[in-house]
């Protein structure tokens, strides 16, 4: 260095904690909305005889219902939805 001092420069978002909190809330809100939409379909599968999480996942996949991220259903993804409901 040539002896100059660095000025008080702040890098990044000074309100990062607020931005992060808002982002987390938005993700949770969207997940709750998706769970509310798919829950009636899960209940239909249960009425049709699906008893295990795996059977419910198979029923959702057979109906062409994608997960929130567009993937296939697995027992754990069904459990996550039921836990959220």
N, C-alpha and C. Protein backbone atom coordinates (compact mmCIF):
# COMPACT_ATOMS: atom_id res chain seq x y z
N UNK A 1 0.84 -1.17 0.00
CA UNK A 1 0.00 0.00 0.00
C UNK A 1 0.88 1.23 0.00
N UNK A 2 0.33 2.31 -0.45
CA UNK A 2 1.10 3.54 -0.53
C UNK A 2 0.78 4.50 0.61
N UNK A 3 0.18 3.99 1.69
CA UNK A 3 -0.05 4.82 2.85
C UNK A 3 -1.43 5.47 2.89
N UNK A 4 -2.20 5.32 1.84
CA UNK A 4 -3.55 5.91 1.87
C UNK A 4 -4.48 5.04 2.69
N UNK A 5 -5.40 5.68 3.35
CA UNK A 5 -6.37 4.95 4.15
C UNK A 5 -7.60 4.63 3.33
N UNK A 6 -8.17 3.49 3.60
CA UNK A 6 -9.42 3.13 2.93
C UNK A 6 -10.55 3.96 3.51
N UNK A 7 -11.40 4.44 2.66
CA UNK A 7 -12.54 5.23 3.13
C UNK A 7 -13.62 4.28 3.64
N UNK A 8 -14.55 4.80 4.41
CA UNK A 8 -15.63 4.00 4.99
C UNK A 8 -16.62 3.51 3.95
N UNK A 9 -16.20 2.57 3.15
CA UNK A 9 -17.05 2.02 2.10
C UNK A 9 -17.72 0.76 2.62
N UNK A 10 -19.04 0.71 2.46
CA UNK A 10 -19.79 -0.47 2.87
C UNK A 10 -20.16 -1.25 1.62
N UNK A 11 -19.75 -2.50 1.60
CA UNK A 11 -20.07 -3.35 0.47
C UNK A 11 -21.31 -4.17 0.79
N UNK A 12 -22.09 -4.47 -0.23
CA UNK A 12 -23.27 -5.30 -0.05
C UNK A 12 -24.48 -4.47 0.34
N UNK A 13 -25.54 -5.15 0.68
CA UNK A 13 -26.79 -4.52 1.04
C UNK A 13 -26.78 -4.20 2.53
N UNK A 14 -26.85 -2.91 2.89
CA UNK A 14 -26.82 -2.57 4.33
C UNK A 14 -28.06 -3.06 5.07
N UNK A 15 -29.11 -3.40 4.35
CA UNK A 15 -30.34 -3.91 4.97
C UNK A 15 -30.52 -5.39 4.62
N UNK A 16 -29.43 -6.13 4.60
CA UNK A 16 -29.46 -7.54 4.21
C UNK A 16 -30.40 -8.36 5.09
N UNK A 17 -30.38 -8.10 6.40
CA UNK A 17 -31.24 -8.87 7.30
C UNK A 17 -32.72 -8.67 6.96
N UNK A 18 -33.10 -7.48 6.58
CA UNK A 18 -34.48 -7.21 6.19
C UNK A 18 -34.81 -7.90 4.88
N UNK A 19 -33.91 -7.81 3.92
CA UNK A 19 -34.13 -8.45 2.62
C UNK A 19 -34.23 -9.97 2.78
N UNK A 20 -33.37 -10.54 3.60
CA UNK A 20 -33.40 -11.99 3.83
C UNK A 20 -34.70 -12.40 4.50
N UNK A 21 -35.14 -11.64 5.49
CA UNK A 21 -36.39 -11.94 6.18
C UNK A 21 -37.57 -11.90 5.21
N UNK A 22 -37.61 -10.89 4.36
CA UNK A 22 -38.69 -10.77 3.38
C UNK A 22 -38.68 -11.93 2.40
N UNK A 23 -37.49 -12.35 1.98
CA UNK A 23 -37.38 -13.47 1.04
C UNK A 23 -37.86 -14.76 1.68
N UNK A 24 -37.48 -15.01 2.91
CA UNK A 24 -37.91 -16.22 3.62
C UNK A 24 -39.42 -16.24 3.78
N UNK A 25 -40.00 -15.09 4.12
CA UNK A 25 -41.45 -15.01 4.26
C UNK A 25 -42.15 -15.28 2.94
N UNK A 26 -41.59 -14.78 1.85
CA UNK A 26 -42.19 -15.00 0.53
C UNK A 26 -42.15 -16.48 0.15
N UNK A 27 -41.04 -17.15 0.43
CA UNK A 27 -40.90 -18.57 0.13
C UNK A 27 -41.90 -19.38 0.96
N UNK A 28 -42.03 -19.05 2.23
CA UNK A 28 -42.97 -19.77 3.10
C UNK A 28 -44.41 -19.56 2.64
N UNK A 29 -44.73 -18.34 2.26
CA UNK A 29 -46.09 -18.04 1.79
C UNK A 29 -46.41 -18.84 0.54
N UNK A 30 -45.47 -18.91 -0.39
CA UNK A 30 -45.69 -19.67 -1.62
C UNK A 30 -45.83 -21.16 -1.32
N UNK A 31 -45.02 -21.67 -0.39
CA UNK A 31 -45.09 -23.09 -0.02
C UNK A 31 -46.44 -23.40 0.63
N UNK A 32 -46.92 -22.50 1.48
CA UNK A 32 -48.23 -22.69 2.11
C UNK A 32 -49.34 -22.70 1.06
N UNK A 33 -49.24 -21.80 0.08
CA UNK A 33 -50.24 -21.72 -0.98
C UNK A 33 -50.25 -23.01 -1.79
N UNK A 34 -49.08 -23.51 -2.14
CA UNK A 34 -49.00 -24.74 -2.93
C UNK A 34 -49.57 -25.92 -2.13
N UNK A 35 -49.21 -25.99 -0.86
CA UNK A 35 -49.70 -27.08 -0.01
C UNK A 35 -51.22 -27.04 0.07
N UNK A 36 -51.79 -25.86 0.20
CA UNK A 36 -53.25 -25.73 0.27
C UNK A 36 -53.91 -26.20 -1.03
N UNK A 37 -53.25 -25.99 -2.16
CA UNK A 37 -53.80 -26.40 -3.45
C UNK A 37 -53.71 -27.91 -3.68
N UNK A 38 -52.64 -28.52 -3.21
CA UNK A 38 -52.44 -29.95 -3.48
C UNK A 38 -53.07 -30.84 -2.40
N UNK A 39 -53.36 -30.29 -1.26
CA UNK A 39 -53.93 -31.08 -0.17
C UNK A 39 -55.25 -31.75 -0.55
N UNK A 40 -56.18 -31.07 -1.22
CA UNK A 40 -57.42 -31.77 -1.62
C UNK A 40 -57.17 -32.96 -2.54
N UNK A 41 -56.15 -32.88 -3.37
CA UNK A 41 -55.81 -33.99 -4.26
C UNK A 41 -55.27 -35.16 -3.45
N UNK A 42 -54.48 -34.84 -2.43
CA UNK A 42 -53.96 -35.88 -1.53
C UNK A 42 -55.14 -36.56 -0.81
N UNK A 43 -56.08 -35.77 -0.36
CA UNK A 43 -57.25 -36.33 0.34
C UNK A 43 -58.06 -37.23 -0.59
N UNK A 44 -58.18 -36.84 -1.85
CA UNK A 44 -58.87 -37.69 -2.83
C UNK A 44 -58.16 -39.02 -3.00
N UNK A 45 -56.83 -38.97 -3.08
CA UNK A 45 -56.04 -40.20 -3.23
C UNK A 45 -56.24 -41.10 -2.01
N UNK A 46 -56.30 -40.49 -0.84
CA UNK A 46 -56.53 -41.28 0.37
C UNK A 46 -57.92 -41.93 0.35
N UNK A 47 -58.93 -41.19 -0.09
CA UNK A 47 -60.28 -41.75 -0.18
C UNK A 47 -60.35 -42.88 -1.20
N UNK A 48 -59.48 -42.79 -2.21
CA UNK A 48 -59.45 -43.82 -3.25
C UNK A 48 -58.66 -45.05 -2.82
N UNK A 49 -58.09 -45.02 -1.62
CA UNK A 49 -57.41 -46.20 -1.10
C UNK A 49 -55.92 -46.07 -0.84
N UNK A 50 -55.31 -44.94 -1.19
CA UNK A 50 -53.89 -44.75 -0.91
C UNK A 50 -53.70 -44.57 0.60
N UNK A 51 -52.96 -45.46 1.21
CA UNK A 51 -52.79 -45.42 2.67
C UNK A 51 -51.42 -44.94 3.11
N UNK A 52 -50.39 -45.32 2.38
CA UNK A 52 -49.04 -44.93 2.79
C UNK A 52 -48.60 -43.68 2.03
N UNK A 53 -47.57 -43.05 2.54
CA UNK A 53 -47.01 -41.87 1.86
C UNK A 53 -46.55 -42.24 0.45
N UNK A 54 -45.97 -43.42 0.33
CA UNK A 54 -45.50 -43.88 -0.99
C UNK A 54 -46.67 -44.05 -1.96
N UNK A 55 -47.77 -44.63 -1.48
CA UNK A 55 -48.95 -44.80 -2.33
C UNK A 55 -49.54 -43.46 -2.75
N UNK A 56 -49.54 -42.50 -1.84
CA UNK A 56 -50.04 -41.16 -2.18
C UNK A 56 -49.13 -40.52 -3.23
N UNK A 57 -47.82 -40.67 -3.06
CA UNK A 57 -46.88 -40.13 -4.04
C UNK A 57 -47.10 -40.76 -5.40
N UNK A 58 -47.30 -42.06 -5.43
CA UNK A 58 -47.56 -42.76 -6.70
C UNK A 58 -48.83 -42.25 -7.35
N UNK A 59 -49.86 -41.99 -6.54
CA UNK A 59 -51.13 -41.48 -7.07
C UNK A 59 -50.95 -40.09 -7.66
N UNK A 60 -50.20 -39.23 -6.98
CA UNK A 60 -49.95 -37.88 -7.50
C UNK A 60 -49.17 -37.94 -8.81
N UNK A 61 -48.15 -38.79 -8.84
CA UNK A 61 -47.36 -38.94 -10.07
C UNK A 61 -48.21 -39.49 -11.21
N UNK A 62 -49.09 -40.46 -10.91
CA UNK A 62 -49.95 -41.06 -11.93
C UNK A 62 -50.92 -40.03 -12.51
N UNK A 63 -51.33 -39.09 -11.69
CA UNK A 63 -52.24 -38.03 -12.15
C UNK A 63 -51.51 -36.90 -12.88
N UNK A 64 -50.19 -36.96 -12.88
CA UNK A 64 -49.43 -35.92 -13.56
C UNK A 64 -49.28 -34.63 -12.76
N UNK A 65 -49.50 -34.72 -11.46
CA UNK A 65 -49.35 -33.55 -10.59
C UNK A 65 -47.87 -33.41 -10.26
N UNK A 66 -47.31 -32.27 -10.60
CA UNK A 66 -45.89 -32.03 -10.31
C UNK A 66 -45.75 -31.40 -8.92
N UNK A 67 -44.59 -31.57 -8.33
CA UNK A 67 -44.29 -30.90 -7.07
C UNK A 67 -44.16 -29.40 -7.35
N UNK A 68 -43.99 -28.64 -6.31
CA UNK A 68 -43.87 -27.18 -6.46
C UNK A 68 -42.70 -26.79 -7.36
N UNK A 69 -41.68 -27.61 -7.38
CA UNK A 69 -40.51 -27.33 -8.23
C UNK A 69 -40.54 -28.10 -9.54
N UNK A 70 -41.67 -28.72 -9.82
CA UNK A 70 -41.84 -29.40 -11.10
C UNK A 70 -41.34 -30.82 -11.16
N UNK A 71 -41.01 -31.39 -10.02
CA UNK A 71 -40.47 -32.75 -10.01
C UNK A 71 -41.50 -33.81 -9.68
N UNK A 72 -41.00 -35.00 -9.41
CA UNK A 72 -41.86 -36.13 -9.05
C UNK A 72 -42.07 -36.15 -7.55
N UNK A 73 -43.14 -36.81 -7.16
CA UNK A 73 -43.46 -36.97 -5.75
C UNK A 73 -42.76 -38.19 -5.18
N UNK A 74 -42.33 -38.06 -3.94
CA UNK A 74 -41.76 -39.15 -3.15
C UNK A 74 -42.46 -39.14 -1.81
N UNK A 75 -42.29 -40.18 -1.03
CA UNK A 75 -42.94 -40.26 0.27
C UNK A 75 -42.61 -39.03 1.12
N UNK A 76 -41.36 -38.60 1.11
CA UNK A 76 -40.97 -37.46 1.94
C UNK A 76 -41.60 -36.16 1.48
N UNK A 77 -41.75 -35.99 0.17
CA UNK A 77 -42.38 -34.75 -0.32
C UNK A 77 -43.86 -34.71 0.08
N UNK A 78 -44.52 -35.86 0.10
CA UNK A 78 -45.90 -35.93 0.57
C UNK A 78 -45.93 -35.62 2.07
N UNK A 79 -45.02 -36.19 2.83
CA UNK A 79 -44.95 -35.94 4.27
C UNK A 79 -44.74 -34.45 4.55
N UNK A 80 -43.92 -33.79 3.74
CA UNK A 80 -43.68 -32.36 3.92
C UNK A 80 -44.96 -31.56 3.72
N UNK A 81 -45.74 -31.92 2.72
CA UNK A 81 -47.00 -31.22 2.45
C UNK A 81 -47.98 -31.45 3.62
N UNK A 82 -48.08 -32.69 4.06
CA UNK A 82 -49.00 -32.99 5.16
C UNK A 82 -48.58 -32.28 6.45
N UNK A 83 -47.29 -32.17 6.67
CA UNK A 83 -46.79 -31.47 7.86
C UNK A 83 -47.10 -29.98 7.78
N UNK A 84 -47.03 -29.42 6.59
CA UNK A 84 -47.28 -28.00 6.39
C UNK A 84 -48.77 -27.67 6.53
N UNK A 85 -49.62 -28.64 6.22
CA UNK A 85 -51.08 -28.40 6.23
C UNK A 85 -51.61 -28.27 7.65
